[in-house]
Protein backbone atom coordinates (compact mmCIF):
# COMPACT_ATOMS: atom_id res chain seq x y z
CA MET A 1 -17.25 0.85 -7.11
CA THR A 2 -18.89 2.92 -9.84
CA ASP A 3 -19.31 1.50 -13.35
CA ASN A 4 -16.26 3.37 -14.54
CA TYR A 5 -14.14 1.99 -11.75
CA ASP A 6 -15.49 -1.55 -12.49
CA LYS A 7 -14.42 -1.15 -16.09
CA GLN A 8 -10.87 -0.03 -15.19
CA ALA A 9 -10.61 -2.87 -12.55
CA LEU A 10 -11.74 -5.39 -15.28
CA MET A 11 -9.18 -4.13 -17.68
CA ALA A 12 -6.49 -4.47 -15.09
CA ARG A 13 -7.58 -8.04 -14.50
CA GLU A 14 -7.52 -8.79 -18.18
CA LEU A 15 -4.02 -7.45 -18.41
CA PHE A 16 -2.92 -9.58 -15.52
CA LEU A 17 -4.22 -12.71 -17.29
CA LYS A 18 -1.98 -12.00 -20.28
CA TYR A 19 1.07 -12.60 -18.04
CA ASP A 20 2.49 -15.80 -16.64
CA TRP A 21 1.40 -15.51 -12.92
CA ARG A 22 3.86 -18.22 -11.88
CA ALA A 23 6.71 -16.08 -13.34
CA MET A 24 5.33 -13.16 -11.31
CA ALA A 25 5.56 -15.21 -8.14
CA GLU A 26 9.02 -16.26 -8.89
CA LYS A 27 10.08 -12.73 -9.75
CA PHE A 28 9.06 -11.46 -6.30
CA GLY A 29 9.57 -14.68 -4.28
CA LEU A 30 5.87 -15.13 -3.56
CA GLU A 31 3.99 -18.13 -2.31
CA THR A 32 1.77 -20.14 -4.68
CA GLU A 33 -0.70 -23.01 -4.00
CA GLY A 34 -2.91 -24.60 -6.63
CA GLU A 35 -4.16 -21.88 -8.94
CA TYR A 36 -3.38 -19.10 -6.53
CA LEU A 37 -0.70 -16.58 -6.01
CA TYR A 38 -0.42 -15.15 -2.50
CA LEU A 39 0.76 -11.62 -1.60
CA ARG A 40 0.59 -9.48 1.57
CA LEU A 41 -0.46 -5.82 1.45
CA LEU A 42 0.31 -4.23 4.85
CA ASN A 43 -1.37 -6.50 7.46
CA ARG A 44 -3.73 -8.30 5.07
CA ARG A 45 -3.13 -11.46 3.01
CA TYR A 46 -4.53 -11.71 -0.61
CA ARG A 47 -4.62 -14.27 -3.19
CA ILE A 48 -5.05 -13.92 -6.93
CA SER A 49 -6.46 -16.73 -9.14
CA GLY A 50 -4.05 -17.49 -12.04
CA GLU A 51 -7.05 -18.72 -13.94
CA SER A 52 -9.67 -16.02 -13.38
CA GLY A 53 -7.48 -13.12 -12.16
CA VAL A 54 -9.93 -12.50 -9.30
CA ILE A 55 -8.44 -10.98 -6.22
CA GLU A 56 -9.60 -12.29 -2.79
CA GLY A 57 -8.70 -11.03 0.55
CA CYS A 58 -8.35 -12.92 3.83
CA THR A 59 -11.09 -11.98 6.21
CA GLU A 60 -8.69 -11.99 9.18
CA ALA A 61 -5.77 -9.53 9.43
CA GLY A 62 -2.41 -10.68 10.94
CA GLU A 63 0.56 -12.85 10.16
CA GLU A 64 -0.98 -16.23 10.19
CA PRO A 65 -1.58 -17.92 6.84
CA CYS A 66 -5.16 -17.87 5.53
CA SER A 67 -5.59 -21.55 4.40
CA THR A 68 -9.21 -22.20 4.01
CA VAL A 69 -11.64 -20.98 1.26
CA GLN A 70 -14.22 -19.86 3.80
CA ARG A 71 -11.75 -17.28 5.14
CA TYR A 72 -11.42 -15.51 1.79
CA GLN A 73 -13.83 -13.18 0.02
CA GLU A 74 -13.54 -11.25 -3.22
CA CYS A 75 -11.90 -7.88 -2.79
CA ARG A 76 -13.95 -4.92 -4.09
CA ASP A 77 -11.72 -2.07 -3.03
CA TYR A 78 -10.54 -0.32 -6.11
CA ASP A 79 -7.36 1.06 -4.71
CA ILE A 80 -6.26 -2.35 -3.45
CA ILE A 81 -7.18 -4.05 -6.66
CA MET A 82 -5.29 -1.67 -8.84
CA ALA A 83 -2.22 -1.65 -6.55
CA LEU A 84 -1.99 -5.39 -6.61
CA TYR A 85 -2.33 -5.73 -10.32
CA ASP A 86 0.16 -2.84 -11.02
CA VAL A 87 2.94 -4.18 -8.74
CA LEU A 88 2.80 -7.54 -10.27
CA CYS A 89 2.39 -6.58 -13.94
CA TYR A 90 4.45 -3.32 -14.13
CA SER A 91 8.07 -4.55 -14.09
CA LYS A 92 9.65 -6.96 -16.38
CA GLU A 93 12.42 -7.95 -14.10
CA ARG A 94 12.45 -7.67 -10.24
CA PRO A 95 13.27 -4.10 -9.40
CA LEU A 96 15.88 -3.17 -6.82
CA LEU A 97 15.41 -0.65 -4.04
CA ALA A 98 17.81 2.32 -4.07
CA GLY A 99 17.85 2.64 -0.21
CA GLU A 100 17.38 6.36 -0.62
CA TRP A 101 14.26 8.12 0.66
CA CYS A 102 12.54 11.14 -1.09
CA ALA A 103 9.27 12.91 -1.17
CA LEU A 104 6.67 12.10 -3.73
CA TYR A 105 7.18 15.40 -5.63
CA ASN A 106 10.79 14.24 -6.29
CA LEU A 107 9.47 11.28 -8.23
CA GLN A 108 6.76 13.00 -10.28
CA ILE A 109 7.17 13.00 -13.98
CA THR A 110 4.74 15.72 -14.80
CA MET A 111 3.85 19.13 -13.19
CA SER A 112 0.13 18.30 -13.21
CA SER A 113 0.37 15.62 -10.41
CA PRO A 114 -1.96 16.17 -7.38
CA ASN A 115 -0.55 17.83 -4.35
CA ALA A 116 0.34 15.02 -1.79
CA ASP A 117 -0.09 17.48 1.12
CA LEU A 118 -3.64 18.23 0.09
CA PHE A 119 -4.27 14.46 -0.23
CA THR A 120 -3.00 13.80 3.38
CA ARG A 121 -4.53 16.86 5.15
CA LYS A 122 -7.83 15.18 6.14
CA TYR A 123 -5.92 12.32 7.71
CA ALA A 124 -3.51 14.60 9.50
CA GLU A 125 -6.50 16.50 11.04
CA SER A 126 -8.07 13.18 12.16
CA PHE A 127 -4.88 11.92 13.77
CA SER A 128 -4.14 15.22 15.57
CA GLY A 129 -4.05 14.89 19.35
CA LYS A 130 -3.80 11.04 19.17
CA THR A 131 -0.03 10.42 18.81
CA GLY A 132 -0.22 7.66 21.47
CA GLN A 133 -3.05 5.84 19.64
CA LEU A 134 -1.29 6.45 16.33
CA GLN A 135 1.89 4.73 17.62
CA ALA A 136 -0.11 1.75 18.74
CA ALA A 137 -1.86 1.63 15.40
CA CYS A 138 1.40 1.65 13.46
CA LYS A 139 2.67 -1.25 15.59
CA LYS A 140 -0.56 -3.19 15.16
CA ILE A 141 -0.45 -3.19 11.43
CA GLY A 142 3.16 -4.39 11.32
CA GLY A 143 5.15 -1.11 11.13
CA ARG A 144 8.77 -0.81 12.36
CA GLU A 145 9.47 2.30 14.47
CA ILE A 146 12.42 4.29 13.39
CA GLY A 147 14.44 7.07 14.87
CA ILE A 148 12.59 10.37 15.25
CA THR A 149 13.40 12.37 12.03
CA ALA A 150 13.18 16.11 11.54
CA GLY A 151 11.24 16.45 14.79
CA ALA A 152 8.37 14.14 13.77
CA ASP A 153 6.16 12.88 16.63
CA VAL A 154 5.55 9.61 14.97
CA CYS A 155 7.93 7.89 12.56
CA TRP A 156 7.42 4.40 11.26
CA GLU A 157 8.37 2.34 8.22
CA PHE A 158 5.87 -0.13 6.63
CA ASP A 159 6.24 -2.98 4.06
CA VAL A 160 3.28 -2.13 1.94
CA PHE A 161 4.27 -5.18 -0.05
CA PRO A 162 6.99 -7.56 1.40
CA PHE A 163 9.44 -6.06 -1.08
CA PHE A 164 8.23 -2.37 -1.09
CA PRO A 165 8.65 -0.20 2.00
CA VAL A 166 7.24 3.27 2.70
CA GLN A 167 8.10 5.74 5.49
CA PHE A 168 5.40 7.52 7.45
CA ARG A 169 6.05 10.64 9.43
CA PHE A 170 3.46 12.66 11.50
CA TRP A 171 3.83 15.94 13.20
CA ASP A 172 1.04 16.78 15.64
CA GLY A 173 -0.68 20.11 15.50
CA ASP A 174 -0.59 22.89 17.94
CA GLU A 175 -1.83 26.48 18.28
CA GLU A 176 0.43 27.75 15.51
CA PHE A 177 0.77 24.83 13.05
CA PRO A 178 -1.70 22.20 11.80
CA ALA A 179 -0.95 18.52 12.08
CA GLN A 180 1.04 17.27 9.14
CA ILE A 181 1.84 13.91 7.43
CA LYS A 182 4.71 13.15 5.15
CA LEU A 183 5.20 9.86 3.31
CA LEU A 184 8.64 9.12 1.95
CA TRP A 185 9.32 6.75 -0.93
CA ASP A 186 12.35 4.82 -2.14
CA LYS A 187 14.05 6.63 -5.00
CA ASN A 188 13.37 3.63 -7.25
CA SER A 189 9.68 3.43 -6.46
CA LEU A 190 8.63 4.12 -10.02
CA ARG A 191 10.37 0.89 -11.10
CA PHE A 192 7.84 -0.98 -8.99
CA LEU A 193 4.62 1.04 -9.65
CA HIS A 194 3.15 3.65 -11.89
CA PHE A 195 3.19 7.19 -10.36
CA GLU A 196 -0.56 7.22 -10.10
CA THR A 197 -0.58 3.93 -8.12
CA LEU A 198 1.57 5.52 -5.50
CA TYR A 199 -1.54 7.60 -4.54
CA TYR A 200 -3.64 4.34 -4.24
CA VAL A 201 -0.91 3.03 -1.96
CA MET A 202 -0.84 6.24 0.08
CA GLY A 203 -4.65 6.02 0.52
CA ILE A 204 -4.59 2.38 1.46
CA LEU A 205 -2.01 2.99 4.21
CA LEU A 206 -3.70 6.02 5.75
CA GLU A 207 -7.10 4.40 5.58
CA VAL A 208 -5.77 1.27 7.34
CA LEU A 209 -4.05 3.45 9.96
CA GLY A 210 -7.31 5.39 10.52
CA GLU A 211 -9.35 2.26 10.89
CA GLU A 212 -6.93 0.74 13.38
CA LEU A 213 -6.65 4.01 15.34
CA ASN A 214 -10.34 4.28 15.71
CA ARG A 215 -10.99 0.71 16.74
């Protein structure tokens, strides 16, 4: 991370330490052990020290608990750091999902927000022609396949956090149209995270999918 990102991450950590981390765990039904609060982000398990605020990630992906200190290392991924701090600190009470899906632009609160289609374009291009591999990658990172919607070639739902789902839809490209990705969000997403943090979540999901697809 650059110095500026380091400063922002440190500010987020300091904010986290102003809260009762045990109350955070109770609010979202999260596991705690000793000084640590545990939280999954996609297929990776993280823990946050209630004493220092430092975020550590389990070095092995998957469902099994990560129980030894040797299998954790400090997380240095800015998007992950900010997403974890934000989802824990943002809401006073546990938010409820609306169960209604919408595009990111339906959630935006200003007209100056980045274009999500521009954000996803490079990933769509890299996924093009690989629908079989992409399906396997979605399954590998814990997604749930859902009925094909609006003609999408790949359509899965992910629990980014155990209590916060996102839908991923992919249309493969052809001679006439380029490949396209759409992410759908619960209508109440802004009760869980700041709008800007949704872009961090989007980037995390697409990066993890790309890494798994190219293994």
